[in-house]
Amino acid sequence: GQLAGNAIERIRAQRALTDAVRSLNLAETAARFGIWEADFERDTVTISSGLAALLERPAARCELSRTEFEAMVHPDDRNALWSGGEGGRRATGTLQAEFRLTLPSGALHWMRSQWMLVPGSKPTTRATGAMIDITSEREMLLEMMRRAHHDSLTGLLNRASLYECLERLIGTRRDCALALVYIDLDLFKEIND
């Protein structure tokens, strides 16, 4: 009786775990995010199947060496990502970084990763976190900035951006002359439309 009851409980627990993993995989795919765990002693990063898909990696191969992962990080972003170094491994709380990854297809994607160090030995030997693709968010931000600083009709700097640019030039050009030609066309919008 008791052995059969234990076996039934184990089967139920296994079924519940399988369902939870299936739900997590579906959520990762829908939200374009994934989970990872770094082992600093082994210099490896274990990734979920959702993160493997984001990184254009086979789902069956969910462990990367630090060298493999670092090779994907854009060279300009490596120092910022690893700037914590040994000191970063003694940090507490949630850590976050935004960086670009070059995927195997050659596509460049912006990622945001948030993680915590797993408590244990000092310095910590493990970290776990999540990573989400923020490429669309970054592209929208760049487009909003372009629209805020450029004239929609001509594509040239708008008045506010021109004034900012002139202030910078005037502030840095102490030893040479600076000239500005300003042409104001009355009714230009009516003619152009």
C-alpha atoms as a PDB file:
ATOM      1  CA  GLY A   1       0.000   0.000   0.000  1.00  0.00           C
ATOM      2  CA  GLN A   2       2.582   2.597   1.030  1.00  0.00           C
ATOM      3  CA  LEU A   3       4.925   1.830  -1.915  1.00  0.00           C
ATOM      4  CA  ALA A   4       2.044   2.227  -4.363  1.00  0.00           C
ATOM      5  CA  GLY A   5       1.054   5.513  -2.700  1.00  0.00           C
ATOM      6  CA  ASN A   6       4.649   6.818  -2.942  1.00  0.00           C
ATOM      7  CA  ALA A   7       4.839   5.797  -6.607  1.00  0.00           C
ATOM      8  CA  ILE A   8       1.548   7.561  -7.370  1.00  0.00           C
ATOM      9  CA  GLU A   9       2.731  10.730  -5.591  1.00  0.00           C
ATOM     10  CA  ARG A  10       6.021  10.619  -7.503  1.00  0.00           C
ATOM     11  CA  ILE A  11       4.154  10.264 -10.820  1.00  0.00           C
ATOM     12  CA  ARG A  12       1.859  13.195  -9.906  1.00  0.00           C
ATOM     13  CA  ALA A  13       4.846  15.339  -8.911  1.00  0.00           C
ATOM     14  CA  GLN A  14       6.656  14.458 -12.132  1.00  0.00           C
ATOM     15  CA  ARG A  15       3.546  15.273 -14.189  1.00  0.00           C
ATOM     16  CA  ALA A  16       3.174  18.627 -12.369  1.00  0.00           C
ATOM     17  CA  LEU A  17       6.860  19.419 -13.006  1.00  0.00           C
ATOM     18  CA  THR A  18       6.507  18.539 -16.706  1.00  0.00           C
ATOM     19  CA  ASP A  19       3.436  20.799 -16.966  1.00  0.00           C
ATOM     20  CA  ALA A  20       5.282  23.656 -15.211  1.00  0.00           C
ATOM     21  CA  VAL A  21       8.273  23.337 -17.571  1.00  0.00           C
ATOM     22  CA  ARG A  22       5.936  23.299 -20.594  1.00  0.00           C
ATOM     23  CA  SER A  23       4.197  26.472 -19.328  1.00  0.00           C
ATOM     24  CA  LEU A  24       7.515  28.213 -18.677  1.00  0.00           C
ATOM     25  CA  ASN A  25       8.760  27.310 -22.172  1.00  0.00           C
ATOM     26  CA  LEU A  26       5.576  28.725 -23.688  1.00  0.00           C
ATOM     27  CA  ALA A  27       5.914  31.940 -21.638  1.00  0.00           C
ATOM     28  CA  GLU A  28       9.565  32.317 -22.708  1.00  0.00           C
ATOM     29  CA  THR A  29       8.623  31.973 -26.360  1.00  0.00           C
ATOM     30  CA  ALA A  30       5.687  34.394 -26.123  1.00  0.00           C
ATOM     31  CA  ALA A  31       7.622  37.089 -24.223  1.00  0.00           C
ATOM     32  CA  ARG A  32      10.951  36.570 -26.070  1.00  0.00           C
ATOM     33  CA  PHE A  33      12.954  36.005 -22.905  1.00  0.00           C
ATOM     34  CA  GLY A  34      14.986  33.221 -21.382  1.00  0.00           C
ATOM     35  CA  ILE A  35      16.601  32.123 -18.153  1.00  0.00           C
ATOM     36  CA  TRP A  36      20.292  31.462 -17.522  1.00  0.00           C
ATOM     37  CA  GLU A  37      22.632  30.336 -14.771  1.00  0.00           C
ATOM     38  CA  ALA A  38      26.361  31.084 -14.671  1.00  0.00           C
ATOM     39  CA  ASP A  39      28.867  28.852 -12.929  1.00  0.00           C
ATOM     40  CA  PHE A  40      31.976  30.993 -12.309  1.00  0.00           C
ATOM     41  CA  GLU A  41      34.117  28.046 -11.207  1.00  0.00           C
ATOM     42  CA  ARG A  42      33.471  26.094 -14.422  1.00  0.00           C
ATOM     43  CA  ASP A  43      33.209  29.252 -16.592  1.00  0.00           C
ATOM     44  CA  THR A  44      29.917  28.048 -18.095  1.00  0.00           C
ATOM     45  CA  VAL A  45      26.496  29.537 -18.745  1.00  0.00           C
ATOM     46  CA  THR A  46      23.519  27.160 -18.793  1.00  0.00           C
ATOM     47  CA  ILE A  47      20.554  28.530 -20.753  1.00  0.00           C
ATOM     48  CA  SER A  48      16.889  27.588 -20.981  1.00  0.00           C
ATOM     49  CA  SER A  49      15.360  26.438 -24.251  1.00  0.00           C
ATOM     50  CA  GLY A  50      13.680  29.861 -24.598  1.00  0.00           C
ATOM     51  CA  LEU A  51      17.025  31.635 -24.337  1.00  0.00           C
ATOM     52  CA  ALA A  52      18.599  29.093 -26.683  1.00  0.00           C
ATOM     53  CA  ALA A  53      15.958  30.046 -29.284  1.00  0.00           C
ATOM     54  CA  LEU A  54      16.677  33.779 -28.768  1.00  0.00           C
ATOM     55  CA  LEU A  55      20.400  33.157 -29.170  1.00  0.00           C
ATOM     56  CA  GLU A  56      19.802  31.041 -32.292  1.00  0.00           C
ATOM     57  CA  ARG A  57      21.260  27.986 -30.568  1.00  0.00           C
ATOM     58  CA  PRO A  58      19.939  24.411 -30.715  1.00  0.00           C
ATOM     59  CA  ALA A  59      17.646  23.718 -27.746  1.00  0.00           C
ATOM     60  CA  ALA A  60      19.523  20.473 -27.099  1.00  0.00           C
ATOM     61  CA  ARG A  61      22.764  22.390 -26.464  1.00  0.00           C
ATOM     62  CA  CYS A  62      21.964  24.521 -23.449  1.00  0.00           C
ATOM     63  CA  GLU A  63      25.438  25.042 -22.016  1.00  0.00           C
ATOM     64  CA  LEU A  64      27.887  27.631 -23.334  1.00  0.00           C
ATOM     65  CA  SER A  65      31.398  28.325 -22.193  1.00  0.00           C
ATOM     66  CA  ARG A  66      32.058  31.855 -20.990  1.00  0.00           C
ATOM     67  CA  THR A  67      34.280  32.256 -24.072  1.00  0.00           C
ATOM     68  CA  GLU A  68      31.419  31.251 -26.394  1.00  0.00           C
ATOM     69  CA  PHE A  69      29.017  33.666 -24.726  1.00  0.00           C
ATOM     70  CA  GLU A  70      31.571  36.475 -24.580  1.00  0.00           C
ATOM     71  CA  ALA A  71      32.267  36.058 -28.321  1.00  0.00           C
ATOM     72  CA  MET A  72      28.601  36.927 -28.962  1.00  0.00           C
ATOM     73  CA  VAL A  73      28.752  40.141 -26.897  1.00  0.00           C
ATOM     74  CA  HIS A  74      29.497  43.219 -29.012  1.00  0.00           C
ATOM     75  CA  PRO A  75      33.125  44.308 -28.375  1.00  0.00           C
ATOM     76  CA  ASP A  76      32.010  47.796 -27.275  1.00  0.00           C
ATOM     77  CA  ASP A  77      29.751  46.281 -24.594  1.00  0.00           C
ATOM     78  CA  ARG A  78      32.068  43.654 -23.068  1.00  0.00           C
ATOM     79  CA  ASN A  79      33.708  45.940 -20.501  1.00  0.00           C
ATOM     80  CA  ALA A  80      30.352  47.259 -19.282  1.00  0.00           C
ATOM     81  CA  LEU A  81      28.949  43.742 -19.003  1.00  0.00           C
ATOM     82  CA  TRP A  82      31.929  42.340 -17.101  1.00  0.00           C
ATOM     83  CA  SER A  83      32.901  45.554 -15.297  1.00  0.00           C
ATOM     84  CA  GLY A  84      31.871  44.074 -11.955  1.00  0.00           C
ATOM     85  CA  GLY A  85      34.609  41.431 -12.229  1.00  0.00           C
ATOM     86  CA  GLU A  86      35.526  39.929  -8.880  1.00  0.00           C
ATOM     87  CA  GLY A  87      33.978  42.926  -7.074  1.00  0.00           C
ATOM     88  CA  GLY A  88      30.724  42.312  -8.919  1.00  0.00           C
ATOM     89  CA  ARG A  89      30.672  38.755  -7.596  1.00  0.00           C
ATOM     90  CA  ARG A  90      30.559  40.175  -4.064  1.00  0.00           C
ATOM     91  CA  ALA A  91      27.625  42.482  -4.873  1.00  0.00           C
ATOM     92  CA  THR A  92      24.215  42.002  -3.327  1.00  0.00           C
ATOM     93  CA  GLY A  93      20.747  42.544  -4.714  1.00  0.00           C
ATOM     94  CA  THR A  94      19.636  42.570  -8.312  1.00  0.00           C
ATOM     95  CA  LEU A  95      22.123  43.478 -11.037  1.00  0.00           C
ATOM     96  CA  GLN A  96      21.201  44.591 -14.560  1.00  0.00           C
ATOM     97  CA  ALA A  97      22.931  45.260 -17.863  1.00  0.00           C
ATOM     98  CA  GLU A  98      21.914  46.160 -21.409  1.00  0.00           C
ATOM     99  CA  PHE A  99      24.208  45.012 -24.186  1.00  0.00           C
ATOM    100  CA  ARG A 100      24.285  43.938 -27.823  1.00  0.00           C
ATOM    101  CA  LEU A 101      24.720  40.354 -28.976  1.00  0.00           C
ATOM    102  CA  THR A 102      25.799  39.261 -32.425  1.00  0.00           C
ATOM    103  CA  LEU A 103      23.789  36.140 -33.188  1.00  0.00           C
ATOM    104  CA  PRO A 104      25.018  33.260 -35.398  1.00  0.00           C
ATOM    105  CA  SER A 105      22.904  34.651 -38.298  1.00  0.00           C
ATOM    106  CA  GLY A 106      24.887  37.908 -38.044  1.00  0.00           C
ATOM    107  CA  ALA A 107      21.902  39.833 -36.641  1.00  0.00           C
ATOM    108  CA  LEU A 108      22.695  42.327 -33.900  1.00  0.00           C
ATOM    109  CA  HIS A 109      20.192  42.309 -31.005  1.00  0.00           C
ATOM    110  CA  TRP A 110      19.940  44.457 -27.888  1.00  0.00           C
ATOM    111  CA  MET A 111      19.409  42.407 -24.733  1.00  0.00           C
ATOM    112  CA  ARG A 112      18.569  43.330 -21.148  1.00  0.00           C
ATOM    113  CA  SER A 113      19.652  40.895 -18.476  1.00  0.00           C
ATOM    114  CA  GLN A 114      18.765  41.012 -14.814  1.00  0.00           C
ATOM    115  CA  TRP A 115      20.305  38.631 -12.288  1.00  0.00           C
ATOM    116  CA  MET A 116      21.179  37.864  -8.702  1.00  0.00           C
ATOM    117  CA  LEU A 117      24.173  36.124  -7.255  1.00  0.00           C
ATOM    118  CA  VAL A 118      23.358  32.810  -5.608  1.00  0.00           C
ATOM    119  CA  PRO A 119      24.290  33.083  -1.915  1.00  0.00           C
ATOM    120  CA  GLY A 120      27.057  30.781  -0.785  1.00  0.00           C
ATOM    121  CA  SER A 121      30.812  31.027  -0.737  1.00  0.00           C
ATOM    122  CA  LYS A 122      32.634  34.362  -0.959  1.00  0.00           C
ATOM    123  CA  PRO A 123      33.138  35.317  -3.692  1.00  0.00           C
ATOM    124  CA  THR A 124      29.954  33.848  -5.082  1.00  0.00           C
ATOM    125  CA  THR A 125      30.430  31.021  -7.563  1.00  0.00           C
ATOM    126  CA  ARG A 126      27.007  31.150  -9.263  1.00  0.00           C
ATOM    127  CA  ALA A 127      24.498  33.654 -10.595  1.00  0.00           C
ATOM    128  CA  THR A 128      21.050  33.164 -12.054  1.00  0.00           C
ATOM    129  CA  GLY A 129      18.956  35.537 -14.111  1.00  0.00           C
ATOM    130  CA  ALA A 130      16.788  36.259 -17.099  1.00  0.00           C
ATOM    131  CA  MET A 131      17.481  37.883 -20.451  1.00  0.00           C
ATOM    132  CA  ILE A 132      14.984  39.598 -22.754  1.00  0.00           C
ATOM    133  CA  ASP A 133      15.335  40.904 -26.298  1.00  0.00           C
ATOM    134  CA  ILE A 134      14.847  44.706 -26.275  1.00  0.00           C
ATOM    135  CA  THR A 135      15.842  45.352 -29.893  1.00  0.00           C
ATOM    136  CA  SER A 136      12.395  46.703 -30.865  1.00  0.00           C
ATOM    137  CA  GLU A 137      12.344  48.938 -27.779  1.00  0.00           C
ATOM    138  CA  ARG A 138      15.782  50.353 -28.675  1.00  0.00           C
ATOM    139  CA  GLU A 139      14.792  50.939 -32.304  1.00  0.00           C
ATOM    140  CA  MET A 140      11.629  52.802 -31.229  1.00  0.00           C
ATOM    141  CA  LEU A 141      13.675  54.934 -28.827  1.00  0.00           C
ATOM    142  CA  LEU A 142      16.139  55.848 -31.580  1.00  0.00           C
ATOM    143  CA  GLU A 143      13.277  56.757 -33.916  1.00  0.00           C
ATOM    144  CA  MET A 144      11.656  58.934 -31.230  1.00  0.00           C
ATOM    145  CA  MET A 145      14.964  60.720 -30.641  1.00  0.00           C
ATOM    146  CA  ARG A 146      15.420  61.242 -34.387  1.00  0.00           C
ATOM    147  CA  ARG A 147      11.923  62.731 -34.633  1.00  0.00           C
ATOM    148  CA  ALA A 148      12.524  64.946 -31.593  1.00  0.00           C
ATOM    149  CA  HIS A 149      15.710  66.424 -33.068  1.00  0.00           C
ATOM    150  CA  HIS A 150      15.056  66.558 -36.814  1.00  0.00           C
ATOM    151  CA  ASP A 151      12.596  68.387 -39.016  1.00  0.00           C
ATOM    152  CA  SER A 152      10.106  65.930 -40.525  1.00  0.00           C
ATOM    153  CA  LEU A 153       9.987  67.799 -43.816  1.00  0.00           C
ATOM    154  CA  THR A 154      13.706  68.254 -44.552  1.00  0.00           C
ATOM    155  CA  GLY A 155      15.376  65.726 -42.256  1.00  0.00           C
ATOM    156  CA  LEU A 156      17.679  68.501 -41.038  1.00  0.00           C
ATOM    157  CA  LEU A 157      18.218  69.397 -37.396  1.00  0.00           C
ATOM    158  CA  ASN A 158      15.225  71.238 -35.994  1.00  0.00           C
ATOM    159  CA  ARG A 159      15.526  74.652 -34.353  1.00  0.00           C
ATOM    160  CA  ALA A 160      16.049  73.333 -30.791  1.00  0.00           C
ATOM    161  CA  SER A 161      18.763  70.908 -31.930  1.00  0.00           C
ATOM    162  CA  LEU A 162      20.427  73.608 -34.024  1.00  0.00           C
ATOM    163  CA  TYR A 163      20.598  75.899 -30.977  1.00  0.00           C
ATOM    164  CA  GLU A 164      22.078  73.075 -28.850  1.00  0.00           C
ATOM    165  CA  CYS A 165      24.671  72.383 -31.536  1.00  0.00           C
ATOM    166  CA  LEU A 166      25.581  76.062 -31.802  1.00  0.00           C
ATOM    167  CA  GLU A 167      25.926  76.383 -28.020  1.00  0.00           C
ATOM    168  CA  ARG A 168      28.348  73.433 -27.993  1.00  0.00           C
ATOM    169  CA  LEU A 169      30.352  74.870 -30.886  1.00  0.00           C
ATOM    170  CA  ILE A 170      30.541  78.319 -29.315  1.00  0.00           C
ATOM    171  CA  GLY A 171      31.598  76.766 -26.003  1.00  0.00           C
ATOM    172  CA  THR A 172      34.439  74.746 -27.558  1.00  0.00           C
ATOM    173  CA  ARG A 173      35.690  77.200 -30.217  1.00  0.00           C
ATOM    174  CA  ARG A 174      37.583  79.800 -28.239  1.00  0.00           C
ATOM    175  CA  ASP A 175      40.561  80.232 -30.564  1.00  0.00           C
ATOM    176  CA  CYS A 176      38.916  80.386 -33.989  1.00  0.00           C
ATOM    177  CA  ALA A 177      36.135  82.201 -35.785  1.00  0.00           C
ATOM    178  CA  LEU A 178      32.710  80.721 -36.262  1.00  0.00           C
ATOM    179  CA  ALA A 179      30.230  81.845 -38.916  1.00  0.00           C
ATOM    180  CA  LEU A 180      26.579  81.020 -39.337  1.00  0.00           C
ATOM    181  CA  VAL A 181      24.386  81.657 -42.340  1.00  0.00           C
ATOM    182  CA  TYR A 182      20.707  81.607 -41.457  1.00  0.00           C
ATOM    183  CA  ILE A 183      18.042  81.709 -44.157  1.00  0.00           C
ATOM    184  CA  ASP A 184      14.413  82.055 -43.154  1.00  0.00           C
ATOM    185  CA  LEU A 185      12.001  81.425 -46.028  1.00  0.00           C
ATOM    186  CA  ASP A 186       8.570  82.917 -45.441  1.00  0.00           C
ATOM    187  CA  LEU A 187       5.670  80.661 -46.405  1.00  0.00           C
ATOM    188  CA  PHE A 188       8.062  77.764 -47.247  1.00  0.00           C
ATOM    189  CA  LYS A 189       5.631  75.183 -45.868  1.00  0.00           C
ATOM    190  CA  GLU A 190       2.830  76.438 -48.124  1.00  0.00           C
ATOM    191  CA  ILE A 191       5.068  76.279 -51.199  1.00  0.00           C
ATOM    192  CA  ASN A 192       6.393  72.851 -50.325  1.00  0.00           C
ATOM    193  CA  ASP A 193       2.963  71.334 -49.603  1.00  0.00           C
END
